[in-house]
Amino acid sequence: LTGTIPSELGQLDRMIILALDSNRLTGSIPSSFGNLDAVIFLLLSDNDLTGQMPAEVCSLLSLGNLVVATADCIVEVECHCCRFCL
């Protein structure tokens, strides 16, 4: 996959695993990902994503059942709420 992450993916509210790792994705993570109430794993590593993890996604993390994997939480995507950095 190349380009930006479509915000429409945030409408997949029954998605359990969203694996977008090892692609050529650019831009930021859509705030619509905060709608992914059922997601357990959000895999984003090995892309060219920039910016910060949306607060909406961080609020899902507070539920205690989501692992977000990014290649580098400081450099690639600034994420104060990520639990797992590869």
N, C-alpha and C. Protein backbone atom coordinates (compact mmCIF):
# COMPACT_ATOMS: atom_id res chain seq x y z
N LEU A 1 0.84 -1.18 0.00
CA LEU A 1 0.00 0.00 0.00
C LEU A 1 0.88 1.24 0.00
N THR A 2 0.45 2.25 -0.72
CA THR A 2 1.16 3.51 -0.74
C THR A 2 0.17 4.64 -0.52
N GLY A 3 0.68 5.79 -0.14
CA GLY A 3 -0.17 6.96 0.06
C GLY A 3 -0.59 7.11 1.50
N THR A 4 -1.62 7.89 1.71
CA THR A 4 -2.10 8.15 3.07
C THR A 4 -3.09 7.07 3.50
N ILE A 5 -3.29 6.97 4.79
CA ILE A 5 -4.25 6.00 5.33
C ILE A 5 -5.65 6.58 5.16
N PRO A 6 -6.54 5.88 4.49
CA PRO A 6 -7.90 6.39 4.32
C PRO A 6 -8.63 6.49 5.65
N SER A 7 -9.24 7.64 5.91
CA SER A 7 -9.96 7.81 7.17
C SER A 7 -11.16 6.86 7.27
N GLU A 8 -11.63 6.38 6.13
CA GLU A 8 -12.78 5.47 6.11
C GLU A 8 -12.49 4.15 6.83
N LEU A 9 -11.22 3.81 6.99
CA LEU A 9 -10.89 2.59 7.75
C LEU A 9 -11.41 2.68 9.18
N GLY A 10 -11.57 3.88 9.68
CA GLY A 10 -12.11 4.07 11.03
C GLY A 10 -13.56 3.67 11.16
N GLN A 11 -14.23 3.40 10.05
CA GLN A 11 -15.62 2.97 10.08
C GLN A 11 -15.75 1.46 10.26
N LEU A 12 -14.64 0.75 10.24
CA LEU A 12 -14.65 -0.71 10.39
C LEU A 12 -14.68 -1.06 11.87
N ASP A 13 -15.78 -0.77 12.52
CA ASP A 13 -15.87 -0.86 13.98
C ASP A 13 -15.87 -2.28 14.53
N ARG A 14 -15.88 -3.29 13.67
CA ARG A 14 -15.77 -4.68 14.13
C ARG A 14 -14.39 -5.27 13.88
N MET A 15 -13.49 -4.44 13.36
CA MET A 15 -12.12 -4.86 13.07
C MET A 15 -11.41 -5.20 14.38
N ILE A 16 -10.76 -6.36 14.43
CA ILE A 16 -10.04 -6.78 15.63
C ILE A 16 -8.54 -6.53 15.47
N ILE A 17 -8.02 -6.84 14.29
CA ILE A 17 -6.61 -6.60 13.99
C ILE A 17 -6.53 -5.75 12.73
N LEU A 18 -5.87 -4.60 12.84
CA LEU A 18 -5.64 -3.76 11.68
C LEU A 18 -4.14 -3.71 11.44
N ALA A 19 -3.69 -4.48 10.46
CA ALA A 19 -2.26 -4.62 10.17
C ALA A 19 -1.92 -3.81 8.93
N LEU A 20 -1.35 -2.63 9.15
CA LEU A 20 -0.91 -1.76 8.07
C LEU A 20 0.60 -1.63 8.06
N ASP A 21 1.27 -2.54 8.74
CA ASP A 21 2.73 -2.47 8.85
C ASP A 21 3.39 -2.89 7.54
N SER A 22 4.63 -2.44 7.37
CA SER A 22 5.48 -2.80 6.22
C SER A 22 4.87 -2.40 4.88
N ASN A 23 4.41 -1.17 4.80
CA ASN A 23 3.90 -0.61 3.56
C ASN A 23 4.64 0.68 3.27
N ARG A 24 4.11 1.47 2.39
CA ARG A 24 4.70 2.77 2.09
C ARG A 24 3.70 3.88 2.40
N LEU A 25 3.08 3.77 3.56
CA LEU A 25 2.08 4.74 3.96
C LEU A 25 2.73 6.02 4.45
N THR A 26 2.15 7.14 4.11
CA THR A 26 2.67 8.44 4.49
C THR A 26 1.58 9.24 5.19
N GLY A 27 1.96 10.37 5.74
CA GLY A 27 0.99 11.25 6.39
C GLY A 27 0.75 10.85 7.83
N SER A 28 -0.40 11.24 8.32
CA SER A 28 -0.71 11.01 9.73
C SER A 28 -1.72 9.88 9.91
N ILE A 29 -1.87 9.46 11.14
CA ILE A 29 -2.85 8.43 11.50
C ILE A 29 -4.20 9.12 11.67
N PRO A 30 -5.23 8.67 10.97
CA PRO A 30 -6.53 9.34 11.04
C PRO A 30 -7.14 9.28 12.44
N SER A 31 -7.74 10.39 12.86
CA SER A 31 -8.42 10.41 14.16
C SER A 31 -9.62 9.47 14.15
N SER A 32 -10.13 9.13 12.97
CA SER A 32 -11.26 8.20 12.88
C SER A 32 -10.92 6.82 13.42
N PHE A 33 -9.63 6.52 13.59
CA PHE A 33 -9.24 5.24 14.19
C PHE A 33 -9.74 5.13 15.63
N GLY A 34 -10.11 6.24 16.22
CA GLY A 34 -10.70 6.23 17.55
C GLY A 34 -12.06 5.55 17.59
N ASN A 35 -12.64 5.30 16.42
CA ASN A 35 -13.93 4.60 16.33
C ASN A 35 -13.77 3.09 16.31
N LEU A 36 -12.55 2.59 16.28
CA LEU A 36 -12.29 1.15 16.18
C LEU A 36 -12.39 0.51 17.56
N ASP A 37 -13.59 0.48 18.09
CA ASP A 37 -13.81 0.00 19.46
C ASP A 37 -13.39 -1.44 19.69
N ALA A 38 -13.45 -2.29 18.67
CA ALA A 38 -13.15 -3.70 18.84
C ALA A 38 -11.68 -4.05 18.60
N VAL A 39 -10.91 -3.10 18.05
CA VAL A 39 -9.54 -3.41 17.67
C VAL A 39 -8.68 -3.74 18.88
N ILE A 40 -7.85 -4.76 18.74
CA ILE A 40 -6.92 -5.18 19.79
C ILE A 40 -5.49 -4.84 19.37
N PHE A 41 -5.17 -5.08 18.11
CA PHE A 41 -3.83 -4.78 17.60
C PHE A 41 -3.94 -3.78 16.46
N LEU A 42 -3.19 -2.69 16.57
CA LEU A 42 -3.08 -1.69 15.52
C LEU A 42 -1.61 -1.64 15.14
N LEU A 43 -1.27 -2.27 14.03
CA LEU A 43 0.12 -2.43 13.61
C LEU A 43 0.45 -1.42 12.53
N LEU A 44 1.39 -0.53 12.83
CA LEU A 44 1.69 0.58 11.94
C LEU A 44 3.17 0.70 11.61
N SER A 45 3.98 -0.22 12.06
CA SER A 45 5.42 -0.08 11.91
C SER A 45 5.88 -0.19 10.46
N ASP A 46 7.07 0.29 10.20
CA ASP A 46 7.73 0.22 8.89
C ASP A 46 6.94 0.93 7.80
N ASN A 47 6.56 2.17 8.08
CA ASN A 47 5.92 3.07 7.13
C ASN A 47 6.62 4.42 7.24
N ASP A 48 6.12 5.40 6.55
CA ASP A 48 6.65 6.76 6.64
C ASP A 48 5.62 7.69 7.24
N LEU A 49 5.00 7.26 8.33
CA LEU A 49 3.99 8.05 9.00
C LEU A 49 4.64 9.16 9.81
N THR A 50 3.92 10.26 9.95
CA THR A 50 4.44 11.40 10.70
C THR A 50 3.36 11.94 11.63
N GLY A 51 3.74 12.87 12.46
CA GLY A 51 2.78 13.52 13.34
C GLY A 51 2.66 12.83 14.67
N GLN A 52 1.52 13.00 15.30
CA GLN A 52 1.27 12.44 16.62
C GLN A 52 0.14 11.42 16.54
N MET A 53 0.16 10.50 17.50
CA MET A 53 -0.95 9.57 17.62
C MET A 53 -2.19 10.38 18.03
N PRO A 54 -3.29 10.25 17.32
CA PRO A 54 -4.49 11.01 17.66
C PRO A 54 -4.99 10.69 19.07
N ALA A 55 -5.48 11.71 19.75
CA ALA A 55 -6.02 11.53 21.11
C ALA A 55 -7.15 10.51 21.12
N GLU A 56 -7.89 10.42 20.02
CA GLU A 56 -8.99 9.47 19.94
C GLU A 56 -8.49 8.03 20.03
N VAL A 57 -7.32 7.76 19.46
CA VAL A 57 -6.73 6.42 19.55
C VAL A 57 -6.20 6.20 20.96
N CYS A 58 -5.61 7.21 21.55
CA CYS A 58 -5.10 7.09 22.91
C CYS A 58 -6.24 6.79 23.89
N SER A 59 -7.42 7.32 23.63
CA SER A 59 -8.54 7.02 24.53
C SER A 59 -8.91 5.55 24.45
N LEU A 60 -8.73 4.91 23.30
CA LEU A 60 -8.95 3.46 23.21
C LEU A 60 -7.92 2.70 24.03
N LEU A 61 -6.70 3.22 24.05
CA LEU A 61 -5.64 2.57 24.83
C LEU A 61 -5.98 2.56 26.31
N SER A 62 -6.67 3.57 26.78
CA SER A 62 -7.02 3.63 28.19
C SER A 62 -7.99 2.53 28.59
N LEU A 63 -8.64 1.91 27.61
CA LEU A 63 -9.53 0.78 27.91
C LEU A 63 -8.75 -0.47 28.28
N GLY A 64 -7.45 -0.48 27.96
CA GLY A 64 -6.58 -1.56 28.39
C GLY A 64 -6.53 -2.77 27.48
N ASN A 65 -7.15 -2.71 26.29
CA ASN A 65 -7.16 -3.90 25.45
C ASN A 65 -6.55 -3.67 24.08
N LEU A 66 -5.81 -2.58 23.90
CA LEU A 66 -5.26 -2.26 22.60
C LEU A 66 -3.74 -2.14 22.67
N VAL A 67 -3.07 -2.77 21.72
CA VAL A 67 -1.63 -2.62 21.56
C VAL A 67 -1.38 -1.91 20.25
N VAL A 68 -0.67 -0.79 20.31
CA VAL A 68 -0.30 -0.06 19.11
C VAL A 68 1.18 -0.27 18.89
N ALA A 69 1.53 -0.75 17.72
CA ALA A 69 2.94 -0.98 17.40
C ALA A 69 3.37 -0.01 16.32
N THR A 70 4.33 0.82 16.62
CA THR A 70 4.93 1.70 15.62
C THR A 70 6.43 1.46 15.65
N ALA A 71 7.11 1.81 14.59
CA ALA A 71 8.54 1.54 14.50
C ALA A 71 9.33 2.31 15.54
N ASP A 72 8.95 3.53 15.78
CA ASP A 72 9.66 4.36 16.75
C ASP A 72 8.69 5.43 17.24
N CYS A 73 8.22 5.28 18.44
CA CYS A 73 7.18 6.18 18.94
C CYS A 73 7.64 7.63 19.05
N ILE A 74 8.92 7.87 19.06
CA ILE A 74 9.40 9.24 19.17
C ILE A 74 9.64 9.84 17.79
N VAL A 75 10.32 9.11 16.93
CA VAL A 75 10.73 9.66 15.63
C VAL A 75 9.63 9.51 14.58
N GLU A 76 9.13 8.31 14.40
CA GLU A 76 8.17 8.07 13.31
C GLU A 76 6.82 8.70 13.63
N VAL A 77 6.23 8.30 14.73
CA VAL A 77 4.95 8.86 15.16
C VAL A 77 5.08 9.17 16.64
N GLU A 78 4.94 10.43 16.97
CA GLU A 78 5.03 10.81 18.38
C GLU A 78 3.80 10.27 19.11
N CYS A 79 4.04 9.44 20.10
CA CYS A 79 2.93 8.78 20.77
C CYS A 79 3.21 8.68 22.27
N HIS A 80 2.51 9.49 23.02
CA HIS A 80 2.70 9.45 24.47
C HIS A 80 1.90 8.32 25.11
N CYS A 81 1.06 7.65 24.34
CA CYS A 81 0.21 6.62 24.93
C CYS A 81 0.51 5.22 24.41
N CYS A 82 1.45 5.08 23.48
CA CYS A 82 1.75 3.76 22.93
C CYS A 82 2.33 2.85 24.01
N ARG A 83 1.94 1.58 23.94
CA ARG A 83 2.47 0.62 24.90
C ARG A 83 3.55 -0.26 24.31
N PHE A 84 3.67 -0.27 23.00
CA PHE A 84 4.59 -1.22 22.39
C PHE A 84 5.25 -0.57 21.19
N CYS A 85 6.54 -0.33 21.29
CA CYS A 85 7.29 0.27 20.18
C CYS A 85 8.29 -0.75 19.66
N LEU A 86 8.24 -1.04 18.38
CA LEU A 86 9.16 -2.00 17.77
C LEU A 86 10.44 -1.34 17.38
